[in-house]
Amino acid sequence: TEAGAGDAGELAAALVRNRRYMRPREPYRAEGYYTAEAQAERLADGAARWFAVDGERIVGAAILSGIVLGPLCSASLGYWVAEAYTGRGVASALVAEVCRAAREELGLHRIEAGTMLDNFASQRVLEKSGFTRIGTAPKFLHIDGEWRDHHLFQLLLHDDPPPGVPRDLPAEGDRA
């Protein structure tokens, strides 16, 4: 489900419900982050977001941030799933939907993602979704009080040229 401004209250509640569970894998969040007001601001920031829902409850979320068009056509993927919903295919379905939208709706060429070295479940989700591990970044993100190394992954969505670039470029001497 694509996220909307009206989801801020339930998103804040979902984050509060899963705060302790997510802490070892999340950057430090000030207390104000867990409010509906803060989540409303985040939902209005222009990043693309999706939710996994069970009835009216948000049980997971994904975001494409750092969206760059032009010759790069790329974004960074982040996601989480509520503790009670891990191991049930929720993350895989959410990531698959984000990848579909990134290609078909946003026209992106590439999505990147990173996981802590010991986050094997998230690595499996990415690999199952077609991502390839492309390296390891030392001290990549400050998580739970320390700079943590991360494995980096990417998914190439297509090989089409960016919008406005002809598929078959003329030879150098033939350009007008």
N, C-alpha and C. Protein backbone atom coordinates (compact mmCIF):
# COMPACT_ATOMS: atom_id res chain seq x y z
N THR A 1 0.84 -1.18 0.00
CA THR A 1 0.00 0.00 0.00
C THR A 1 0.89 1.24 0.00
N GLU A 2 0.60 2.18 -0.90
CA GLU A 2 1.37 3.43 -0.88
C GLU A 2 0.97 4.25 0.33
N ALA A 3 1.95 4.92 0.92
CA ALA A 3 1.74 5.70 2.14
C ALA A 3 1.12 7.05 1.81
N GLY A 4 0.33 7.55 2.74
CA GLY A 4 -0.26 8.87 2.60
C GLY A 4 -0.20 9.63 3.92
N ALA A 5 -0.47 10.93 3.87
CA ALA A 5 -0.39 11.78 5.05
C ALA A 5 -1.30 11.29 6.17
N GLY A 6 -2.43 10.68 5.83
CA GLY A 6 -3.36 10.20 6.84
C GLY A 6 -2.86 9.00 7.62
N ASP A 7 -1.71 8.46 7.24
CA ASP A 7 -1.15 7.27 7.90
C ASP A 7 -0.23 7.61 9.06
N ALA A 8 -0.01 8.88 9.34
CA ALA A 8 1.00 9.29 10.32
C ALA A 8 0.74 8.73 11.71
N GLY A 9 -0.50 8.78 12.17
CA GLY A 9 -0.81 8.28 13.51
C GLY A 9 -0.55 6.80 13.65
N GLU A 10 -1.01 6.01 12.70
CA GLU A 10 -0.79 4.56 12.76
C GLU A 10 0.68 4.22 12.57
N LEU A 11 1.38 4.98 11.73
CA LEU A 11 2.81 4.75 11.56
C LEU A 11 3.55 4.99 12.87
N ALA A 12 3.24 6.09 13.54
CA ALA A 12 3.87 6.37 14.84
C ALA A 12 3.58 5.25 15.83
N ALA A 13 2.34 4.78 15.86
CA ALA A 13 1.97 3.69 16.77
C ALA A 13 2.75 2.41 16.44
N ALA A 14 2.91 2.11 15.15
CA ALA A 14 3.66 0.92 14.75
C ALA A 14 5.13 1.03 15.16
N LEU A 15 5.69 2.22 15.01
CA LEU A 15 7.08 2.42 15.41
C LEU A 15 7.25 2.27 16.91
N VAL A 16 6.30 2.79 17.68
CA VAL A 16 6.35 2.64 19.14
C VAL A 16 6.25 1.16 19.51
N ARG A 17 5.32 0.44 18.89
CA ARG A 17 5.15 -1.00 19.19
C ARG A 17 6.42 -1.80 18.93
N ASN A 18 7.20 -1.37 17.95
CA ASN A 18 8.38 -2.14 17.53
C ASN A 18 9.71 -1.48 17.87
N ARG A 19 9.65 -0.46 18.69
CA ARG A 19 10.85 0.33 19.01
C ARG A 19 11.96 -0.53 19.61
N ARG A 20 11.67 -1.30 20.60
CA ARG A 20 12.69 -2.12 21.27
C ARG A 20 13.25 -3.17 20.29
N TYR A 21 12.39 -3.76 19.51
CA TYR A 21 12.81 -4.78 18.55
C TYR A 21 13.76 -4.20 17.49
N MET A 22 13.45 -2.99 17.00
CA MET A 22 14.23 -2.41 15.90
C MET A 22 15.49 -1.69 16.35
N ARG A 23 15.59 -1.37 17.64
CA ARG A 23 16.71 -0.56 18.11
C ARG A 23 18.09 -1.08 17.69
N PRO A 24 18.37 -2.39 17.79
CA PRO A 24 19.72 -2.84 17.42
C PRO A 24 20.06 -2.67 15.94
N ARG A 25 19.09 -2.32 15.10
CA ARG A 25 19.33 -2.20 13.66
C ARG A 25 18.99 -0.81 13.11
N GLU A 26 18.64 0.12 13.99
CA GLU A 26 18.21 1.45 13.55
C GLU A 26 19.15 2.53 14.08
N PRO A 27 19.26 3.65 13.36
CA PRO A 27 19.98 4.80 13.92
C PRO A 27 19.26 5.32 15.17
N TYR A 28 19.95 6.10 15.97
CA TYR A 28 19.34 6.73 17.14
C TYR A 28 18.15 7.57 16.69
N ARG A 29 17.07 7.47 17.42
CA ARG A 29 15.88 8.27 17.15
C ARG A 29 15.51 9.03 18.42
N ALA A 30 15.41 10.36 18.32
CA ALA A 30 14.97 11.17 19.46
C ALA A 30 13.52 10.83 19.78
N GLU A 31 13.12 11.12 20.99
CA GLU A 31 11.77 10.79 21.45
C GLU A 31 10.69 11.35 20.52
N GLY A 32 10.91 12.55 20.00
CA GLY A 32 9.92 13.18 19.14
C GLY A 32 9.67 12.44 17.84
N TYR A 33 10.59 11.60 17.42
CA TYR A 33 10.44 10.82 16.19
C TYR A 33 9.21 9.92 16.25
N TYR A 34 8.86 9.48 17.43
CA TYR A 34 7.79 8.50 17.62
C TYR A 34 6.40 9.13 17.76
N THR A 35 6.25 10.37 17.33
CA THR A 35 4.96 11.06 17.41
C THR A 35 4.30 11.12 16.03
N ALA A 36 2.99 11.26 16.04
CA ALA A 36 2.24 11.40 14.79
C ALA A 36 2.69 12.65 14.03
N GLU A 37 2.99 13.71 14.75
CA GLU A 37 3.42 14.95 14.10
C GLU A 37 4.73 14.75 13.34
N ALA A 38 5.68 14.10 13.97
CA ALA A 38 6.96 13.85 13.31
C ALA A 38 6.79 12.95 12.10
N GLN A 39 5.94 11.95 12.22
CA GLN A 39 5.71 11.04 11.10
C GLN A 39 4.97 11.73 9.97
N ALA A 40 4.07 12.67 10.29
CA ALA A 40 3.39 13.45 9.25
C ALA A 40 4.40 14.27 8.45
N GLU A 41 5.37 14.85 9.14
CA GLU A 41 6.43 15.60 8.46
C GLU A 41 7.25 14.68 7.55
N ARG A 42 7.58 13.51 8.05
CA ARG A 42 8.35 12.55 7.24
C ARG A 42 7.56 12.12 6.01
N LEU A 43 6.26 11.90 6.17
CA LEU A 43 5.44 11.46 5.04
C LEU A 43 5.31 12.55 3.98
N ALA A 44 5.54 13.79 4.37
CA ALA A 44 5.42 14.91 3.44
C ALA A 44 6.77 15.32 2.83
N ASP A 45 7.85 14.57 3.11
CA ASP A 45 9.18 15.01 2.69
C ASP A 45 9.56 14.70 1.25
N GLY A 46 8.67 14.05 0.52
CA GLY A 46 8.93 13.79 -0.89
C GLY A 46 9.53 12.43 -1.20
N ALA A 47 9.94 11.68 -0.20
CA ALA A 47 10.44 10.32 -0.44
C ALA A 47 9.24 9.42 -0.75
N ALA A 48 9.49 8.36 -1.48
CA ALA A 48 8.42 7.41 -1.82
C ALA A 48 8.35 6.35 -0.72
N ARG A 49 7.13 6.10 -0.20
CA ARG A 49 6.96 5.14 0.90
C ARG A 49 5.82 4.18 0.63
N TRP A 50 5.98 2.97 1.17
CA TRP A 50 4.95 1.94 1.08
C TRP A 50 4.80 1.29 2.45
N PHE A 51 3.59 0.77 2.72
CA PHE A 51 3.33 0.08 3.98
C PHE A 51 2.85 -1.33 3.72
N ALA A 52 3.21 -2.23 4.62
CA ALA A 52 2.59 -3.55 4.71
C ALA A 52 1.54 -3.41 5.81
N VAL A 53 0.33 -3.84 5.53
CA VAL A 53 -0.75 -3.68 6.51
C VAL A 53 -1.43 -5.01 6.78
N ASP A 54 -1.96 -5.11 7.98
CA ASP A 54 -2.79 -6.23 8.39
C ASP A 54 -4.05 -5.59 8.95
N GLY A 55 -5.11 -5.60 8.16
CA GLY A 55 -6.30 -4.84 8.55
C GLY A 55 -5.98 -3.36 8.49
N GLU A 56 -6.13 -2.68 9.61
CA GLU A 56 -5.82 -1.24 9.69
C GLU A 56 -4.42 -0.99 10.26
N ARG A 57 -3.74 -2.03 10.69
CA ARG A 57 -2.44 -1.87 11.35
C ARG A 57 -1.30 -1.91 10.35
N ILE A 58 -0.37 -0.98 10.50
CA ILE A 58 0.87 -1.01 9.73
C ILE A 58 1.79 -2.02 10.39
N VAL A 59 2.27 -2.99 9.60
CA VAL A 59 3.15 -4.04 10.13
C VAL A 59 4.51 -4.04 9.44
N GLY A 60 4.74 -3.05 8.60
CA GLY A 60 6.03 -2.91 7.94
C GLY A 60 6.00 -1.69 7.05
N ALA A 61 7.17 -1.22 6.70
CA ALA A 61 7.26 -0.04 5.83
C ALA A 61 8.53 -0.12 5.00
N ALA A 62 8.47 0.52 3.85
CA ALA A 62 9.64 0.63 2.98
C ALA A 62 9.70 2.05 2.45
N ILE A 63 10.90 2.51 2.19
CA ILE A 63 11.11 3.85 1.68
C ILE A 63 12.17 3.82 0.58
N LEU A 64 11.93 4.59 -0.46
CA LEU A 64 12.96 4.90 -1.44
C LEU A 64 13.37 6.33 -1.18
N SER A 65 14.58 6.54 -0.77
CA SER A 65 15.06 7.89 -0.49
C SER A 65 16.25 8.19 -1.39
N GLY A 66 16.66 9.44 -1.38
CA GLY A 66 17.79 9.84 -2.21
C GLY A 66 17.53 9.56 -3.68
N ILE A 67 16.29 9.75 -4.11
CA ILE A 67 15.94 9.48 -5.50
C ILE A 67 16.63 10.50 -6.40
N VAL A 68 17.42 10.00 -7.33
CA VAL A 68 18.14 10.85 -8.28
C VAL A 68 17.75 10.39 -9.68
N LEU A 69 17.30 11.32 -10.50
CA LEU A 69 16.92 10.99 -11.87
C LEU A 69 18.08 11.36 -12.80
N GLY A 70 17.81 11.68 -14.04
CA GLY A 70 18.88 12.01 -14.98
C GLY A 70 19.70 10.77 -15.32
N PRO A 71 21.00 10.92 -15.49
CA PRO A 71 21.81 9.78 -15.92
C PRO A 71 21.99 8.70 -14.85
N LEU A 72 21.64 8.98 -13.59
CA LEU A 72 21.80 7.98 -12.53
C LEU A 72 20.53 7.14 -12.36
N CYS A 73 19.37 7.75 -12.28
CA CYS A 73 18.09 7.04 -12.12
C CYS A 73 18.17 5.99 -11.01
N SER A 74 18.48 6.44 -9.80
CA SER A 74 18.77 5.53 -8.70
C SER A 74 18.11 6.01 -7.42
N ALA A 75 17.98 5.09 -6.45
CA ALA A 75 17.46 5.43 -5.13
C ALA A 75 18.00 4.43 -4.12
N SER A 76 17.88 4.79 -2.85
CA SER A 76 18.27 3.91 -1.75
C SER A 76 17.02 3.34 -1.10
N LEU A 77 17.05 2.05 -0.81
CA LEU A 77 15.93 1.34 -0.21
C LEU A 77 16.19 1.09 1.27
N GLY A 78 15.18 1.36 2.07
CA GLY A 78 15.19 0.97 3.48
C GLY A 78 13.85 0.34 3.79
N TYR A 79 13.82 -0.59 4.74
CA TYR A 79 12.55 -1.23 5.09
C TYR A 79 12.64 -1.85 6.48
N TRP A 80 11.49 -2.08 7.07
CA TRP A 80 11.39 -2.79 8.34
C TRP A 80 10.07 -3.55 8.38
N VAL A 81 10.03 -4.57 9.21
CA VAL A 81 8.81 -5.36 9.42
C VAL A 81 8.66 -5.56 10.92
N ALA A 82 7.43 -5.47 11.38
CA ALA A 82 7.14 -5.66 12.80
C ALA A 82 7.61 -7.03 13.27
N GLU A 83 8.05 -7.09 14.51
CA GLU A 83 8.61 -8.33 15.05
C GLU A 83 7.67 -9.52 14.87
N ALA A 84 6.38 -9.32 15.11
CA ALA A 84 5.41 -10.42 15.02
C ALA A 84 5.19 -10.90 13.59
N TYR A 85 5.70 -10.18 12.60
CA TYR A 85 5.47 -10.52 11.19
C TYR A 85 6.73 -10.97 10.47
N THR A 86 7.83 -11.11 11.19
CA THR A 86 9.06 -11.58 10.53
C THR A 86 8.92 -13.05 10.15
N GLY A 87 9.61 -13.43 9.10
CA GLY A 87 9.60 -14.82 8.66
C GLY A 87 8.31 -15.26 7.99
N ARG A 88 7.45 -14.31 7.62
CA ARG A 88 6.15 -14.65 7.01
C ARG A 88 6.03 -14.13 5.58
N GLY A 89 7.13 -13.68 5.00
CA GLY A 89 7.10 -13.19 3.62
C GLY A 89 6.67 -11.74 3.47
N VAL A 90 6.43 -11.06 4.59
CA VAL A 90 5.98 -9.66 4.53
C VAL A 90 7.05 -8.77 3.92
N ALA A 91 8.29 -8.90 4.38
CA ALA A 91 9.37 -8.06 3.85
C ALA A 91 9.59 -8.34 2.37
N SER A 92 9.56 -9.61 1.99
CA SER A 92 9.77 -9.96 0.58
C SER A 92 8.69 -9.36 -0.31
N ALA A 93 7.44 -9.44 0.13
CA ALA A 93 6.34 -8.86 -0.65
C ALA A 93 6.46 -7.35 -0.74
N LEU A 94 6.83 -6.72 0.36
CA LEU A 94 6.99 -5.27 0.40
C LEU A 94 8.11 -4.83 -0.53
N VAL A 95 9.25 -5.48 -0.46
CA VAL A 95 10.38 -5.13 -1.32
C VAL A 95 10.04 -5.38 -2.79
N ALA A 96 9.34 -6.46 -3.08
CA ALA A 96 8.94 -6.73 -4.47
C ALA A 96 8.05 -5.62 -5.01
N GLU A 97 7.11 -5.14 -4.20
CA GLU A 97 6.22 -4.06 -4.64
C GLU A 97 7.00 -2.77 -4.86
N VAL A 98 7.92 -2.46 -3.98
CA VAL A 98 8.74 -1.25 -4.14
C VAL A 98 9.56 -1.34 -5.42
N CYS A 99 10.15 -2.49 -5.68
CA CYS A 99 10.95 -2.66 -6.90
C CYS A 99 10.10 -2.52 -8.16
N ARG A 100 8.90 -3.07 -8.12
CA ARG A 100 7.98 -2.93 -9.26
C ARG A 100 7.67 -1.46 -9.50
N ALA A 101 7.31 -0.74 -8.44
CA ALA A 101 6.97 0.68 -8.57
C ALA A 101 8.18 1.51 -9.00
N ALA A 102 9.35 1.17 -8.49
CA ALA A 102 10.57 1.90 -8.86
C ALA A 102 10.82 1.82 -10.35
N ARG A 103 10.56 0.66 -10.92
CA ARG A 103 10.77 0.47 -12.35
C ARG A 103 9.62 1.06 -13.16
N GLU A 104 8.40 0.63 -12.85
CA GLU A 104 7.25 0.96 -13.70
C GLU A 104 6.71 2.37 -13.49
N GLU A 105 6.76 2.88 -12.27
CA GLU A 105 6.17 4.19 -11.99
C GLU A 105 7.22 5.30 -11.92
N LEU A 106 8.37 5.01 -11.34
CA LEU A 106 9.40 6.03 -11.17
C LEU A 106 10.45 5.98 -12.28
N GLY A 107 10.50 4.89 -13.03
CA GLY A 107 11.46 4.77 -14.13
C GLY A 107 12.90 4.65 -13.68
N LEU A 108 13.12 4.15 -12.47
CA LEU A 108 14.49 4.03 -11.97
C LEU A 108 15.23 2.89 -12.65
N HIS A 109 16.52 3.03 -12.73
CA HIS A 109 17.41 2.02 -13.30
C HIS A 109 17.99 1.12 -12.21
N ARG A 110 18.21 1.69 -11.02
CA ARG A 110 18.96 0.99 -9.98
C ARG A 110 18.43 1.33 -8.60
N ILE A 111 18.41 0.32 -7.73
CA ILE A 111 18.09 0.51 -6.31
C ILE A 111 19.26 -0.05 -5.52
N GLU A 112 19.67 0.68 -4.50
CA GLU A 112 20.72 0.19 -3.62
C GLU A 112 20.16 -0.01 -2.22
N ALA A 113 20.77 -0.91 -1.47
CA ALA A 113 20.37 -1.17 -0.08
C ALA A 113 21.59 -1.65 0.68
N GLY A 114 21.55 -1.50 1.99
CA GLY A 114 22.63 -1.99 2.83
C GLY A 114 22.07 -2.71 4.04
N THR A 115 22.81 -3.70 4.53
CA THR A 115 22.42 -4.40 5.75
C THR A 115 23.65 -4.53 6.65
N MET A 116 23.40 -4.56 7.95
CA MET A 116 24.49 -4.87 8.86
C MET A 116 24.99 -6.28 8.54
N LEU A 117 26.24 -6.54 8.84
CA LEU A 117 26.85 -7.81 8.44
C LEU A 117 26.12 -9.02 8.99
N ASP A 118 25.51 -8.89 10.17
CA ASP A 118 24.84 -10.04 10.80
C ASP A 118 23.34 -10.07 10.56
N ASN A 119 22.83 -9.22 9.69
CA ASN A 119 21.38 -9.20 9.42
C ASN A 119 21.08 -10.15 8.25
N PHE A 120 21.20 -11.43 8.54
CA PHE A 120 21.05 -12.45 7.51
C PHE A 120 19.64 -12.49 6.93
N ALA A 121 18.64 -12.23 7.74
CA ALA A 121 17.26 -12.25 7.25
C ALA A 121 17.06 -11.18 6.19
N SER A 122 17.55 -9.98 6.44
CA SER A 122 17.41 -8.90 5.46
C SER A 122 18.22 -9.19 4.20
N GLN A 123 19.38 -9.79 4.36
CA GLN A 123 20.18 -10.16 3.20
C GLN A 123 19.43 -11.18 2.34
N ARG A 124 18.75 -12.13 2.98
CA ARG A 124 17.96 -13.11 2.23
C ARG A 124 16.81 -12.44 1.48
N VAL A 125 16.15 -11.47 2.13
CA VAL A 125 15.07 -10.74 1.46
C VAL A 125 15.60 -10.06 0.21
N LEU A 126 16.72 -9.38 0.32
CA LEU A 126 17.28 -8.68 -0.84
C LEU A 126 17.68 -9.66 -1.94
N GLU A 127 18.36 -10.72 -1.57
CA GLU A 127 18.79 -11.69 -2.59
C GLU A 127 17.60 -12.36 -3.26
N LYS A 128 16.57 -12.67 -2.48
CA LYS A 128 15.34 -13.26 -3.03
C LYS A 128 14.67 -12.30 -4.02
N SER A 129 14.86 -11.01 -3.81
CA SER A 129 14.27 -9.98 -4.67
C SER A 129 15.16 -9.64 -5.86
N GLY A 130 16.27 -10.35 -6.01
CA GLY A 130 17.14 -10.14 -7.17
C GLY A 130 18.32 -9.22 -6.94
N PHE A 131 18.50 -8.71 -5.73
CA PHE A 131 19.63 -7.85 -5.42
C PHE A 131 20.92 -8.67 -5.41
N THR A 132 22.01 -8.03 -5.77
CA THR A 132 23.33 -8.63 -5.76
C THR A 132 24.21 -7.88 -4.76
N ARG A 133 24.96 -8.62 -3.97
CA ARG A 133 25.89 -7.97 -3.04
C ARG A 133 27.06 -7.43 -3.85
N ILE A 134 27.36 -6.15 -3.64
CA ILE A 134 28.41 -5.50 -4.43
C ILE A 134 29.61 -5.07 -3.60
N GLY A 135 29.55 -5.30 -2.30
CA GLY A 135 30.70 -4.95 -1.48
C GLY A 135 30.33 -4.77 -0.02
N THR A 136 31.32 -4.34 0.74
CA THR A 136 31.14 -4.08 2.17
C THR A 136 31.68 -2.69 2.46
N ALA A 137 30.90 -1.89 3.17
CA ALA A 137 31.30 -0.54 3.53
C ALA A 137 31.65 -0.49 5.02
N PRO A 138 32.91 -0.23 5.35
CA PRO A 138 33.29 -0.14 6.76
C PRO A 138 32.65 1.07 7.43
N LYS A 139 32.21 0.87 8.66
CA LYS A 139 31.66 1.97 9.48
C LYS A 139 30.68 2.82 8.69
N PHE A 140 29.72 2.18 8.07
CA PHE A 140 28.79 2.80 7.12
C PHE A 140 27.72 3.65 7.79
N LEU A 141 27.10 3.13 8.86
CA LEU A 141 26.03 3.86 9.56
C LEU A 141 26.25 3.76 11.06
N HIS A 142 25.84 4.82 11.76
CA HIS A 142 25.91 4.82 13.22
C HIS A 142 24.62 4.20 13.74
N ILE A 143 24.73 2.98 14.27
CA ILE A 143 23.59 2.19 14.71
C ILE A 143 23.81 1.78 16.16
N ASP A 144 22.82 2.02 17.00
CA ASP A 144 22.85 1.55 18.39
C ASP A 144 24.18 1.87 19.08
N GLY A 145 24.64 3.11 18.88
CA GLY A 145 25.81 3.59 19.61
C GLY A 145 27.16 3.34 18.97
N GLU A 146 27.21 2.70 17.81
CA GLU A 146 28.50 2.41 17.16
C GLU A 146 28.39 2.58 15.64
N TRP A 147 29.53 2.90 15.02
CA TRP A 147 29.60 2.87 13.57
C TRP A 147 29.66 1.42 13.14
N ARG A 148 28.74 1.01 12.27
CA ARG A 148 28.61 -0.40 11.90
C ARG A 148 28.94 -0.61 10.42
N ASP A 149 29.69 -1.68 10.16
CA ASP A 149 29.95 -2.10 8.78
C ASP A 149 28.65 -2.62 8.17
N HIS A 150 28.51 -2.44 6.86
CA HIS A 150 27.33 -2.92 6.14
C HIS A 150 27.73 -3.60 4.84
N HIS A 151 26.99 -4.65 4.51
CA HIS A 151 27.08 -5.21 3.16
C HIS A 151 26.19 -4.34 2.28
N LEU A 152 26.67 -4.03 1.08
CA LEU A 152 25.93 -3.20 0.13
C LEU A 152 25.40 -4.09 -0.99
N PHE A 153 24.17 -3.80 -1.39
CA PHE A 153 23.48 -4.56 -2.44
C PHE A 153 22.94 -3.59 -3.48
N GLN A 154 22.75 -4.09 -4.69
CA GLN A 154 22.06 -3.31 -5.72
C GLN A 154 21.18 -4.22 -6.55
N LEU A 155 20.16 -3.62 -7.12
CA LEU A 155 19.29 -4.28 -8.08
C LEU A 155 19.23 -3.40 -9.31
N LEU A 156 19.62 -3.94 -10.46
CA LEU A 156 19.48 -3.23 -11.72
C LEU A 156 18.12 -3.60 -12.29
N LEU A 157 17.27 -2.59 -12.49
CA LEU A 157 15.88 -2.81 -12.88
C LEU A 157 15.69 -2.96 -14.38
N HIS A 158 16.52 -2.32 -15.17
CA HIS A 158 16.43 -2.39 -16.63
C HIS A 158 17.67 -1.74 -17.23
N ASP A 159 17.81 -1.85 -18.53
CA ASP A 159 18.94 -1.24 -19.23
C ASP A 159 18.51 -0.14 -20.18
N ASP A 160 17.28 0.32 -20.06
CA ASP A 160 16.79 1.40 -20.92
C ASP A 160 17.53 2.69 -20.59
N PRO A 161 17.71 3.57 -21.58
CA PRO A 161 18.34 4.86 -21.29
C PRO A 161 17.41 5.73 -20.43
N PRO A 162 17.96 6.73 -19.76
CA PRO A 162 17.12 7.64 -18.98
C PRO A 162 16.13 8.37 -19.88
N PRO A 163 15.03 8.86 -19.32
CA PRO A 163 14.06 9.63 -20.11
C PRO A 163 14.75 10.77 -20.86
N GLY A 164 14.38 10.93 -22.12
CA GLY A 164 14.93 11.99 -22.94
C GLY A 164 16.21 11.63 -23.69
N VAL A 165 16.76 10.46 -23.41
CA VAL A 165 17.98 10.02 -24.10
C VAL A 165 17.56 8.98 -25.13
N PRO A 166 17.91 9.19 -26.41
CA PRO A 166 17.52 8.22 -27.44
C PRO A 166 18.13 6.85 -27.16
N ARG A 167 17.39 5.82 -27.50
CA ARG A 167 17.86 4.45 -27.30
C ARG A 167 19.12 4.19 -28.13
N ASP A 168 19.13 4.65 -29.36
CA ASP A 168 20.29 4.48 -30.24
C ASP A 168 20.89 5.85 -30.50
N LEU A 169 21.95 6.17 -29.78
CA LEU A 169 22.60 7.46 -29.96
C LEU A 169 23.30 7.50 -31.31
N PRO A 170 23.24 8.65 -32.00
CA PRO A 170 23.97 8.77 -33.26
C PRO A 170 25.48 8.74 -33.00
N ALA A 171 26.23 8.36 -34.02
CA ALA A 171 27.69 8.37 -33.90
C ALA A 171 28.16 9.79 -33.62
N GLU A 172 29.33 9.92 -33.00
CA GLU A 172 29.84 11.23 -32.56
C GLU A 172 29.80 12.27 -33.69
N GLY A 173 30.24 11.92 -34.89
CA GLY A 173 30.27 12.87 -36.00
C GLY A 173 28.90 13.19 -36.57
N ASP A 174 27.88 12.38 -36.23
CA ASP A 174 26.54 12.58 -36.78
C ASP A 174 25.64 13.43 -35.89
N ARG A 175 26.13 13.82 -34.72
CA ARG A 175 25.29 14.60 -33.80
C ARG A 175 25.12 16.01 -34.32
N ALA A 176 23.92 16.52 -34.18
CA ALA A 176 23.65 17.89 -34.65
C ALA A 176 24.06 18.90 -33.63
